[in-house]
Amino acid sequence: MLLDPNDPTKVLYRSNHPLIEPTEHYENGLAKFGIVYPCGAVIKDDKLLVYYGGSDSVTCVATANLEEFIKDLKEGSNIVLSPVKLND
C-alpha cells in the first residue's frame, strides 16, 4: 500500500493482489512449502527492492521499476515483483 507522506495513517492506494507469491523452487521446496515473508523495501535509483524470506530458509529480493509500480498501484493493475535471480 502507499501511505500519505503527511499523514501515514491515511492509505492512498492499496493492491488488491499479493505483490510477491511463492513461485520459485527455493520458495516452495525447503523448510515451509509456499511461504514468502516480505520484510522491508528500499528505493535505489529508479527501482523498488523488496526483501523477503522464502520457505523459512532463504533471504530473497524482488524488484520493480518504481515509476511503473506506482502507476500500476494507482490504476489498480495487477502488480508482480520479479525475484532477482543469481547464479543457481
N, C-alpha and C. Protein backbone atom coordinates (compact mmCIF):
# COMPACT_ATOMS: atom_id res chain seq x y z
N MET A 1 0.83 -1.17 0.00
CA MET A 1 0.00 0.00 0.00
C MET A 1 0.88 1.24 0.00
N LEU A 2 0.31 2.32 -0.45
CA LEU A 2 1.01 3.60 -0.48
C LEU A 2 0.32 4.52 0.50
N LEU A 3 1.10 5.04 1.47
CA LEU A 3 0.56 5.89 2.52
C LEU A 3 0.82 7.36 2.21
N ASP A 4 -0.03 8.21 2.74
CA ASP A 4 0.14 9.65 2.61
C ASP A 4 1.38 10.06 3.40
N PRO A 5 2.36 10.74 2.77
CA PRO A 5 3.58 11.10 3.50
C PRO A 5 3.34 12.10 4.63
N ASN A 6 2.27 12.89 4.54
CA ASN A 6 1.96 13.86 5.59
C ASN A 6 1.13 13.27 6.72
N ASP A 7 0.41 12.20 6.42
CA ASP A 7 -0.43 11.52 7.42
C ASP A 7 -0.39 10.03 7.12
N PRO A 8 0.64 9.32 7.64
CA PRO A 8 0.79 7.90 7.31
C PRO A 8 -0.32 6.99 7.82
N THR A 9 -1.29 7.55 8.53
CA THR A 9 -2.46 6.73 8.90
C THR A 9 -3.46 6.67 7.75
N LYS A 10 -3.24 7.49 6.72
CA LYS A 10 -4.14 7.54 5.57
C LYS A 10 -3.57 6.70 4.41
N VAL A 11 -4.32 5.71 3.99
CA VAL A 11 -3.93 4.85 2.87
C VAL A 11 -4.39 5.52 1.58
N LEU A 12 -3.43 5.80 0.69
CA LEU A 12 -3.77 6.41 -0.60
C LEU A 12 -4.16 5.36 -1.63
N TYR A 13 -3.36 4.30 -1.72
CA TYR A 13 -3.59 3.23 -2.70
C TYR A 13 -3.20 1.91 -2.07
N ARG A 14 -3.91 0.86 -2.47
CA ARG A 14 -3.64 -0.48 -1.94
C ARG A 14 -3.81 -1.49 -3.07
N SER A 15 -2.91 -2.44 -3.14
CA SER A 15 -3.01 -3.50 -4.14
C SER A 15 -4.10 -4.50 -3.72
N ASN A 16 -4.84 -4.97 -4.70
CA ASN A 16 -5.86 -5.98 -4.45
C ASN A 16 -5.30 -7.40 -4.55
N HIS A 17 -4.04 -7.50 -4.95
CA HIS A 17 -3.40 -8.80 -5.16
C HIS A 17 -2.07 -8.83 -4.42
N PRO A 18 -1.59 -10.01 -4.06
CA PRO A 18 -0.26 -10.09 -3.42
C PRO A 18 0.82 -9.58 -4.38
N LEU A 19 1.79 -8.86 -3.83
CA LEU A 19 2.90 -8.36 -4.64
C LEU A 19 3.95 -9.42 -4.88
N ILE A 20 4.08 -10.33 -3.92
CA ILE A 20 5.05 -11.42 -4.02
C ILE A 20 4.31 -12.72 -3.74
N GLU A 21 4.50 -13.69 -4.61
CA GLU A 21 3.92 -15.00 -4.41
C GLU A 21 5.03 -16.04 -4.56
N PRO A 22 4.92 -17.16 -3.86
CA PRO A 22 5.96 -18.19 -3.95
C PRO A 22 5.88 -18.93 -5.29
N THR A 23 6.81 -18.62 -6.18
CA THR A 23 6.84 -19.27 -7.50
C THR A 23 8.14 -20.01 -7.77
N GLU A 24 9.18 -19.68 -7.04
CA GLU A 24 10.50 -20.27 -7.28
C GLU A 24 10.70 -21.53 -6.45
N HIS A 25 11.58 -22.40 -6.90
CA HIS A 25 11.81 -23.68 -6.20
C HIS A 25 12.28 -23.45 -4.76
N TYR A 26 13.07 -22.42 -4.53
CA TYR A 26 13.58 -22.16 -3.18
C TYR A 26 12.51 -21.54 -2.27
N GLU A 27 11.37 -21.16 -2.81
CA GLU A 27 10.26 -20.66 -2.01
C GLU A 27 9.24 -21.77 -1.74
N ASN A 28 9.38 -22.87 -2.43
CA ASN A 28 8.39 -23.94 -2.38
C ASN A 28 8.90 -25.29 -1.90
N GLY A 29 10.20 -25.47 -1.79
CA GLY A 29 10.65 -26.82 -1.51
C GLY A 29 11.57 -26.98 -0.33
N LEU A 30 11.68 -25.99 0.53
CA LEU A 30 12.62 -26.10 1.63
C LEU A 30 11.86 -26.31 2.94
N ALA A 31 12.09 -25.51 3.94
CA ALA A 31 11.51 -25.74 5.27
C ALA A 31 9.99 -25.65 5.29
N LYS A 32 9.42 -24.62 4.65
CA LYS A 32 7.96 -24.46 4.61
C LYS A 32 7.54 -24.22 3.17
N PHE A 33 6.72 -25.10 2.65
CA PHE A 33 6.27 -25.03 1.27
C PHE A 33 5.39 -23.81 1.03
N GLY A 34 5.70 -23.04 -0.01
CA GLY A 34 4.84 -21.97 -0.47
C GLY A 34 4.71 -20.77 0.44
N ILE A 35 5.81 -20.41 1.13
CA ILE A 35 5.76 -19.29 2.06
C ILE A 35 6.75 -18.22 1.65
N VAL A 36 6.29 -16.95 1.63
CA VAL A 36 7.17 -15.80 1.47
C VAL A 36 6.79 -14.77 2.52
N TYR A 37 7.80 -14.13 3.09
CA TYR A 37 7.61 -13.15 4.16
C TYR A 37 8.26 -11.83 3.78
N PRO A 38 7.52 -10.86 3.23
CA PRO A 38 8.12 -9.56 2.96
C PRO A 38 8.62 -8.94 4.26
N CYS A 39 9.84 -8.39 4.21
CA CYS A 39 10.48 -7.87 5.42
C CYS A 39 10.81 -6.38 5.35
N GLY A 40 10.92 -5.83 4.17
CA GLY A 40 11.28 -4.43 4.06
C GLY A 40 11.47 -4.05 2.60
N ALA A 41 11.52 -2.75 2.35
CA ALA A 41 11.68 -2.26 0.98
C ALA A 41 12.65 -1.10 0.95
N VAL A 42 13.34 -0.98 -0.19
CA VAL A 42 14.32 0.08 -0.41
C VAL A 42 14.10 0.63 -1.81
N ILE A 43 14.24 1.93 -1.96
CA ILE A 43 14.24 2.54 -3.29
C ILE A 43 15.68 2.88 -3.63
N LYS A 44 16.16 2.35 -4.74
CA LYS A 44 17.53 2.62 -5.20
C LYS A 44 17.44 3.00 -6.66
N ASP A 45 17.91 4.21 -6.96
CA ASP A 45 17.81 4.76 -8.30
C ASP A 45 16.33 4.76 -8.70
N ASP A 46 15.97 4.07 -9.75
CA ASP A 46 14.57 4.05 -10.20
C ASP A 46 13.91 2.70 -9.93
N LYS A 47 14.46 1.94 -8.97
CA LYS A 47 13.93 0.61 -8.68
C LYS A 47 13.43 0.49 -7.25
N LEU A 48 12.36 -0.28 -7.10
CA LEU A 48 11.86 -0.68 -5.80
C LEU A 48 12.42 -2.07 -5.53
N LEU A 49 13.09 -2.23 -4.40
CA LEU A 49 13.63 -3.53 -4.00
C LEU A 49 12.88 -3.97 -2.74
N VAL A 50 12.25 -5.13 -2.79
CA VAL A 50 11.52 -5.67 -1.65
C VAL A 50 12.25 -6.92 -1.17
N TYR A 51 12.73 -6.89 0.05
CA TYR A 51 13.43 -8.03 0.65
C TYR A 51 12.42 -8.92 1.34
N TYR A 52 12.63 -10.23 1.20
CA TYR A 52 11.68 -11.18 1.79
C TYR A 52 12.36 -12.50 2.09
N GLY A 53 11.75 -13.24 2.99
CA GLY A 53 12.21 -14.58 3.30
C GLY A 53 11.40 -15.58 2.51
N GLY A 54 12.06 -16.62 2.05
CA GLY A 54 11.38 -17.65 1.27
C GLY A 54 11.47 -19.00 1.96
N SER A 55 10.32 -19.64 2.15
CA SER A 55 10.23 -21.00 2.67
C SER A 55 10.94 -21.17 4.01
N ASP A 56 11.01 -20.10 4.80
CA ASP A 56 11.68 -20.15 6.10
C ASP A 56 13.14 -20.58 6.01
N SER A 57 13.76 -20.44 4.82
CA SER A 57 15.13 -20.93 4.65
C SER A 57 16.08 -19.97 3.94
N VAL A 58 15.56 -19.07 3.13
CA VAL A 58 16.43 -18.20 2.33
C VAL A 58 15.97 -16.75 2.43
N THR A 59 16.91 -15.84 2.19
CA THR A 59 16.61 -14.42 2.10
C THR A 59 16.65 -14.05 0.62
N CYS A 60 15.63 -13.31 0.17
CA CYS A 60 15.49 -13.01 -1.25
C CYS A 60 15.21 -11.53 -1.45
N VAL A 61 15.27 -11.11 -2.71
CA VAL A 61 14.88 -9.75 -3.07
C VAL A 61 14.12 -9.81 -4.40
N ALA A 62 13.06 -9.03 -4.48
CA ALA A 62 12.29 -8.89 -5.72
C ALA A 62 12.31 -7.41 -6.09
N THR A 63 12.15 -7.13 -7.38
CA THR A 63 12.31 -5.76 -7.84
C THR A 63 11.22 -5.37 -8.84
N ALA A 64 11.04 -4.07 -8.95
CA ALA A 64 10.13 -3.49 -9.95
C ALA A 64 10.62 -2.08 -10.26
N ASN A 65 10.33 -1.61 -11.45
CA ASN A 65 10.58 -0.22 -11.80
C ASN A 65 9.65 0.63 -10.95
N LEU A 66 10.19 1.59 -10.21
CA LEU A 66 9.40 2.36 -9.26
C LEU A 66 8.28 3.14 -9.93
N GLU A 67 8.57 3.80 -11.02
CA GLU A 67 7.55 4.60 -11.71
C GLU A 67 6.40 3.72 -12.19
N GLU A 68 6.72 2.58 -12.79
CA GLU A 68 5.68 1.65 -13.26
C GLU A 68 4.90 1.06 -12.09
N PHE A 69 5.61 0.75 -11.01
CA PHE A 69 4.96 0.19 -9.82
C PHE A 69 3.91 1.16 -9.28
N ILE A 70 4.27 2.42 -9.12
CA ILE A 70 3.34 3.42 -8.58
C ILE A 70 2.17 3.64 -9.54
N LYS A 71 2.46 3.70 -10.84
CA LYS A 71 1.41 3.86 -11.85
C LYS A 71 0.42 2.70 -11.77
N ASP A 72 0.93 1.47 -11.73
CA ASP A 72 0.07 0.30 -11.67
C ASP A 72 -0.73 0.25 -10.36
N LEU A 73 -0.10 0.64 -9.26
CA LEU A 73 -0.79 0.67 -7.98
C LEU A 73 -1.95 1.66 -8.01
N LYS A 74 -1.72 2.84 -8.57
CA LYS A 74 -2.77 3.86 -8.66
C LYS A 74 -3.92 3.42 -9.56
N GLU A 75 -3.58 2.68 -10.63
CA GLU A 75 -4.60 2.24 -11.59
C GLU A 75 -5.31 0.97 -11.15
N GLY A 76 -4.82 0.34 -10.09
CA GLY A 76 -5.43 -0.91 -9.63
C GLY A 76 -5.03 -2.11 -10.46
N SER A 77 -3.95 -1.98 -11.23
CA SER A 77 -3.47 -3.09 -12.06
C SER A 77 -2.85 -4.17 -11.19
N ASN A 78 -2.78 -5.38 -11.72
CA ASN A 78 -2.13 -6.48 -11.03
C ASN A 78 -0.62 -6.27 -11.08
N ILE A 79 -0.01 -6.06 -9.94
CA ILE A 79 1.43 -5.78 -9.85
C ILE A 79 2.15 -7.07 -9.50
N VAL A 80 3.20 -7.35 -10.21
CA VAL A 80 4.02 -8.52 -9.89
C VAL A 80 5.47 -8.08 -9.79
N LEU A 81 6.08 -8.34 -8.65
CA LEU A 81 7.51 -8.06 -8.49
C LEU A 81 8.29 -9.25 -9.00
N SER A 82 9.42 -9.00 -9.62
CA SER A 82 10.24 -10.06 -10.18
C SER A 82 11.36 -10.43 -9.22
N PRO A 83 11.45 -11.72 -8.83
CA PRO A 83 12.57 -12.13 -8.00
C PRO A 83 13.90 -11.90 -8.72
N VAL A 84 14.89 -11.40 -8.00
CA VAL A 84 16.22 -11.23 -8.56
C VAL A 84 16.88 -12.59 -8.53
N LYS A 85 17.33 -13.05 -9.69
CA LYS A 85 17.94 -14.38 -9.79
C LYS A 85 19.44 -14.26 -9.91
N LEU A 86 20.13 -14.94 -9.02
CA LEU A 86 21.57 -15.05 -9.09
C LEU A 86 21.89 -16.41 -9.70
N ASN A 87 23.14 -16.67 -9.94
CA ASN A 87 23.51 -17.99 -10.47
C ASN A 87 23.08 -19.06 -9.48
N ASP A 88 22.29 -20.01 -9.97
CA ASP A 88 21.83 -21.12 -9.10
C ASP A 88 22.96 -22.09 -8.81
